[in-house]
Amino acid sequence: MLTQPIPEVTSGDVERVVHRDFPSERHAEIHEILSVYGRESWQCGEDRVRLAALKLAAGDVGRLRAEIDRATLDYHGIIAGAEYPGFTIKVGCCGTPTDDEHCEHAANAKAVIDEDWRQYREWLER
């Protein structure tokens, strides 16, 4: 069974990325935008979702606002887009492979998962 890594992130990671990706005069605004996610009891993984929104926003305040708005309705899409972009596009749309396709499909999926994880870690650590 294939599993995708789940990043273990903290509010410190969120803070570091805010400082890295946005000018200091916008930090209060960015934190205000980020705080919108996590107000409802069903909104879990605040730091993970906020980082996903920051990654997808790529330094664009308007896009950050849109990603957080999207997360308040359903956070799964922004996590998939930020953490598993290749899998979402290349594997997620393919459905379940037949028995004959299983081994090749699993090997391809593993390579995509590994690449997604590499690019996420690289983004987070830069």
C-alpha atoms as a PDB file:
ATOM      1  CA  MET A   1       0.000   0.000   0.000  1.00  0.00           C
ATOM      2  CA  LEU A   2       1.334   3.409  -0.958  1.00  0.00           C
ATOM      3  CA  THR A   3       1.334   6.139   1.634  1.00  0.00           C
ATOM      4  CA  GLN A   4       2.094   9.792   1.233  1.00  0.00           C
ATOM      5  CA  PRO A   5       4.224  11.563   3.809  1.00  0.00           C
ATOM      6  CA  ILE A   6       2.473  14.052   6.039  1.00  0.00           C
ATOM      7  CA  PRO A   7       4.591  17.025   7.044  1.00  0.00           C
ATOM      8  CA  GLU A   8       4.970  17.728  10.736  1.00  0.00           C
ATOM      9  CA  VAL A   9       4.900  21.493  10.903  1.00  0.00           C
ATOM     10  CA  THR A  10       4.551  24.081  13.631  1.00  0.00           C
ATOM     11  CA  SER A  11       3.440  27.653  14.074  1.00  0.00           C
ATOM     12  CA  GLY A  12       7.151  28.482  13.985  1.00  0.00           C
ATOM     13  CA  ASP A  13       7.278  27.163  10.418  1.00  0.00           C
ATOM     14  CA  VAL A  14       4.286  29.339   9.513  1.00  0.00           C
ATOM     15  CA  GLU A  15       5.965  32.389  11.040  1.00  0.00           C
ATOM     16  CA  ARG A  16       9.250  31.712   9.239  1.00  0.00           C
ATOM     17  CA  VAL A  17       7.518  31.364   5.847  1.00  0.00           C
ATOM     18  CA  VAL A  18       5.497  34.546   6.408  1.00  0.00           C
ATOM     19  CA  HIS A  19       8.750  36.410   7.091  1.00  0.00           C
ATOM     20  CA  ARG A  20      10.455  34.777   4.126  1.00  0.00           C
ATOM     21  CA  ASP A  21       7.699  35.284   1.545  1.00  0.00           C
ATOM     22  CA  PHE A  22       6.135  38.638   2.454  1.00  0.00           C
ATOM     23  CA  PRO A  23       7.515  42.108   3.193  1.00  0.00           C
ATOM     24  CA  SER A  24       7.574  43.059   6.878  1.00  0.00           C
ATOM     25  CA  GLU A  25       5.006  45.840   6.445  1.00  0.00           C
ATOM     26  CA  ARG A  26       2.445  43.182   5.416  1.00  0.00           C
ATOM     27  CA  HIS A  27       3.032  40.672   8.223  1.00  0.00           C
ATOM     28  CA  ALA A  28       0.129  41.855  10.393  1.00  0.00           C
ATOM     29  CA  GLU A  29      -2.203  41.622   7.399  1.00  0.00           C
ATOM     30  CA  ILE A  30      -0.884  38.154   6.518  1.00  0.00           C
ATOM     31  CA  HIS A  31      -1.431  36.905  10.071  1.00  0.00           C
ATOM     32  CA  GLU A  32      -4.946  38.314  10.030  1.00  0.00           C
ATOM     33  CA  ILE A  33      -5.694  36.464   6.792  1.00  0.00           C
ATOM     34  CA  LEU A  34      -4.195  33.230   8.131  1.00  0.00           C
ATOM     35  CA  SER A  35      -6.191  33.469  11.362  1.00  0.00           C
ATOM     36  CA  VAL A  36      -9.450  33.082   9.421  1.00  0.00           C
ATOM     37  CA  TYR A  37      -8.692  29.367   9.104  1.00  0.00           C
ATOM     38  CA  GLY A  38      -9.124  27.425  12.343  1.00  0.00           C
ATOM     39  CA  ARG A  39     -12.086  29.262  13.815  1.00  0.00           C
ATOM     40  CA  GLU A  40     -14.523  26.390  13.239  1.00  0.00           C
ATOM     41  CA  SER A  41     -14.316  23.177  15.266  1.00  0.00           C
ATOM     42  CA  TRP A  42     -14.013  21.004  12.141  1.00  0.00           C
ATOM     43  CA  GLN A  43     -11.072  23.008  10.771  1.00  0.00           C
ATOM     44  CA  CYS A  44      -8.137  20.896  11.877  1.00  0.00           C
ATOM     45  CA  GLY A  45      -4.413  21.049  11.263  1.00  0.00           C
ATOM     46  CA  GLU A  46      -4.202  24.829  11.359  1.00  0.00           C
ATOM     47  CA  ASP A  47      -0.441  25.068  10.832  1.00  0.00           C
ATOM     48  CA  ARG A  48      -0.442  22.516   8.020  1.00  0.00           C
ATOM     49  CA  VAL A  49      -3.331  24.184   6.196  1.00  0.00           C
ATOM     50  CA  ARG A  50      -1.894  27.672   6.688  1.00  0.00           C
ATOM     51  CA  LEU A  51       1.444  26.529   5.263  1.00  0.00           C
ATOM     52  CA  ALA A  52      -0.329  24.946   2.302  1.00  0.00           C
ATOM     53  CA  ALA A  53      -2.077  28.256   1.637  1.00  0.00           C
ATOM     54  CA  LEU A  54       1.223  30.124   1.926  1.00  0.00           C
ATOM     55  CA  LYS A  55       2.877  27.748  -0.521  1.00  0.00           C
ATOM     56  CA  LEU A  56       0.097  28.066  -3.082  1.00  0.00           C
ATOM     57  CA  ALA A  57       0.008  31.852  -2.649  1.00  0.00           C
ATOM     58  CA  ALA A  58       3.715  32.156  -3.544  1.00  0.00           C
ATOM     59  CA  GLY A  59       3.977  35.590  -1.953  1.00  0.00           C
ATOM     60  CA  ASP A  60       0.733  36.963  -3.429  1.00  0.00           C
ATOM     61  CA  VAL A  61      -1.572  38.432  -0.749  1.00  0.00           C
ATOM     62  CA  GLY A  62      -4.710  38.187  -2.906  1.00  0.00           C
ATOM     63  CA  ARG A  63      -4.020  34.552  -3.686  1.00  0.00           C
ATOM     64  CA  LEU A  64      -3.363  33.855  -0.003  1.00  0.00           C
ATOM     65  CA  ARG A  65      -6.746  35.309   0.872  1.00  0.00           C
ATOM     66  CA  ALA A  66      -8.396  33.154  -1.816  1.00  0.00           C
ATOM     67  CA  GLU A  67      -6.645  29.981  -0.606  1.00  0.00           C
ATOM     68  CA  ILE A  68      -7.638  30.618   3.011  1.00  0.00           C
ATOM     69  CA  ASP A  69     -11.217  31.311   1.929  1.00  0.00           C
ATOM     70  CA  ARG A  70     -11.177  28.018   0.026  1.00  0.00           C
ATOM     71  CA  ALA A  71      -9.740  26.202   3.051  1.00  0.00           C
ATOM     72  CA  THR A  72     -12.515  27.461   5.310  1.00  0.00           C
ATOM     73  CA  LEU A  73     -14.958  25.534   3.115  1.00  0.00           C
ATOM     74  CA  ASP A  74     -12.823  22.420   2.530  1.00  0.00           C
ATOM     75  CA  TYR A  75      -9.136  22.242   3.386  1.00  0.00           C
ATOM     76  CA  HIS A  76      -8.422  19.045   1.435  1.00  0.00           C
ATOM     77  CA  GLY A  77      -7.960  20.790  -1.909  1.00  0.00           C
ATOM     78  CA  ILE A  78      -5.272  23.175  -0.772  1.00  0.00           C
ATOM     79  CA  ILE A  79      -3.386  20.430   1.062  1.00  0.00           C
ATOM     80  CA  ALA A  80      -3.456  18.306  -2.093  1.00  0.00           C
ATOM     81  CA  GLY A  81      -2.338  21.223  -4.261  1.00  0.00           C
ATOM     82  CA  ALA A  82       0.510  22.229  -1.968  1.00  0.00           C
ATOM     83  CA  GLU A  83       1.789  18.903  -0.675  1.00  0.00           C
ATOM     84  CA  TYR A  84       0.842  16.439  -3.426  1.00  0.00           C
ATOM     85  CA  PRO A  85       0.645  18.396  -6.685  1.00  0.00           C
ATOM     86  CA  GLY A  86       2.126  15.701  -8.898  1.00  0.00           C
ATOM     87  CA  PHE A  87       0.098  12.916  -7.351  1.00  0.00           C
ATOM     88  CA  THR A  88      -3.099  14.931  -7.685  1.00  0.00           C
ATOM     89  CA  ILE A  89      -2.477  15.504 -11.379  1.00  0.00           C
ATOM     90  CA  LYS A  90      -0.668  12.342 -12.504  1.00  0.00           C
ATOM     91  CA  VAL A  91      -2.033   9.606 -10.271  1.00  0.00           C
ATOM     92  CA  GLY A  92      -5.146  10.843  -8.512  1.00  0.00           C
ATOM     93  CA  CYS A  93      -7.107  11.154 -11.736  1.00  0.00           C
ATOM     94  CA  CYS A  94      -6.291   7.678 -12.990  1.00  0.00           C
ATOM     95  CA  GLY A  95      -8.547   5.672 -10.714  1.00  0.00           C
ATOM     96  CA  THR A  96      -7.749   2.179  -9.483  1.00  0.00           C
ATOM     97  CA  PRO A  97      -5.444   0.181 -11.745  1.00  0.00           C
ATOM     98  CA  THR A  98      -6.399  -3.275 -12.968  1.00  0.00           C
ATOM     99  CA  ASP A  99      -4.420  -6.243 -11.613  1.00  0.00           C
ATOM    100  CA  ASP A 100      -2.205  -6.216 -14.735  1.00  0.00           C
ATOM    101  CA  GLU A 101      -1.447  -2.521 -14.297  1.00  0.00           C
ATOM    102  CA  HIS A 102      -0.994  -2.618 -10.535  1.00  0.00           C
ATOM    103  CA  CYS A 103       2.789  -3.060 -10.284  1.00  0.00           C
ATOM    104  CA  GLU A 104       3.643  -0.455 -12.910  1.00  0.00           C
ATOM    105  CA  HIS A 105       1.058   1.973 -11.553  1.00  0.00           C
ATOM    106  CA  ALA A 106       2.365   1.550  -7.987  1.00  0.00           C
ATOM    107  CA  ALA A 107       5.958   2.133  -9.082  1.00  0.00           C
ATOM    108  CA  ASN A 108       4.965   5.277 -10.974  1.00  0.00           C
ATOM    109  CA  ALA A 109       2.866   6.500  -8.060  1.00  0.00           C
ATOM    110  CA  LYS A 110       5.777   5.942  -5.649  1.00  0.00           C
ATOM    111  CA  ALA A 111       8.071   8.033  -7.861  1.00  0.00           C
ATOM    112  CA  VAL A 112       5.485  10.833  -7.988  1.00  0.00           C
ATOM    113  CA  ILE A 113       5.024  10.706  -4.204  1.00  0.00           C
ATOM    114  CA  ASP A 114       8.790  10.890  -3.688  1.00  0.00           C
ATOM    115  CA  GLU A 115       9.049  13.890  -6.025  1.00  0.00           C
ATOM    116  CA  ASP A 116       6.151  15.669  -4.311  1.00  0.00           C
ATOM    117  CA  TRP A 117       7.773  15.132  -0.926  1.00  0.00           C
ATOM    118  CA  ARG A 118      11.151  16.371  -2.206  1.00  0.00           C
ATOM    119  CA  GLN A 119       9.669  19.573  -3.654  1.00  0.00           C
ATOM    120  CA  TYR A 120       7.622  20.263  -0.517  1.00  0.00           C
ATOM    121  CA  ARG A 121      10.611  19.854   1.810  1.00  0.00           C
ATOM    122  CA  GLU A 122      12.740  21.990  -0.508  1.00  0.00           C
ATOM    123  CA  TRP A 123      10.110  24.751  -0.491  1.00  0.00           C
ATOM    124  CA  LEU A 124       9.657  24.597   3.291  1.00  0.00           C
ATOM    125  CA  GLU A 125      13.371  24.577   4.072  1.00  0.00           C
ATOM    126  CA  ARG A 126      14.569  27.274   1.690  1.00  0.00           C
END
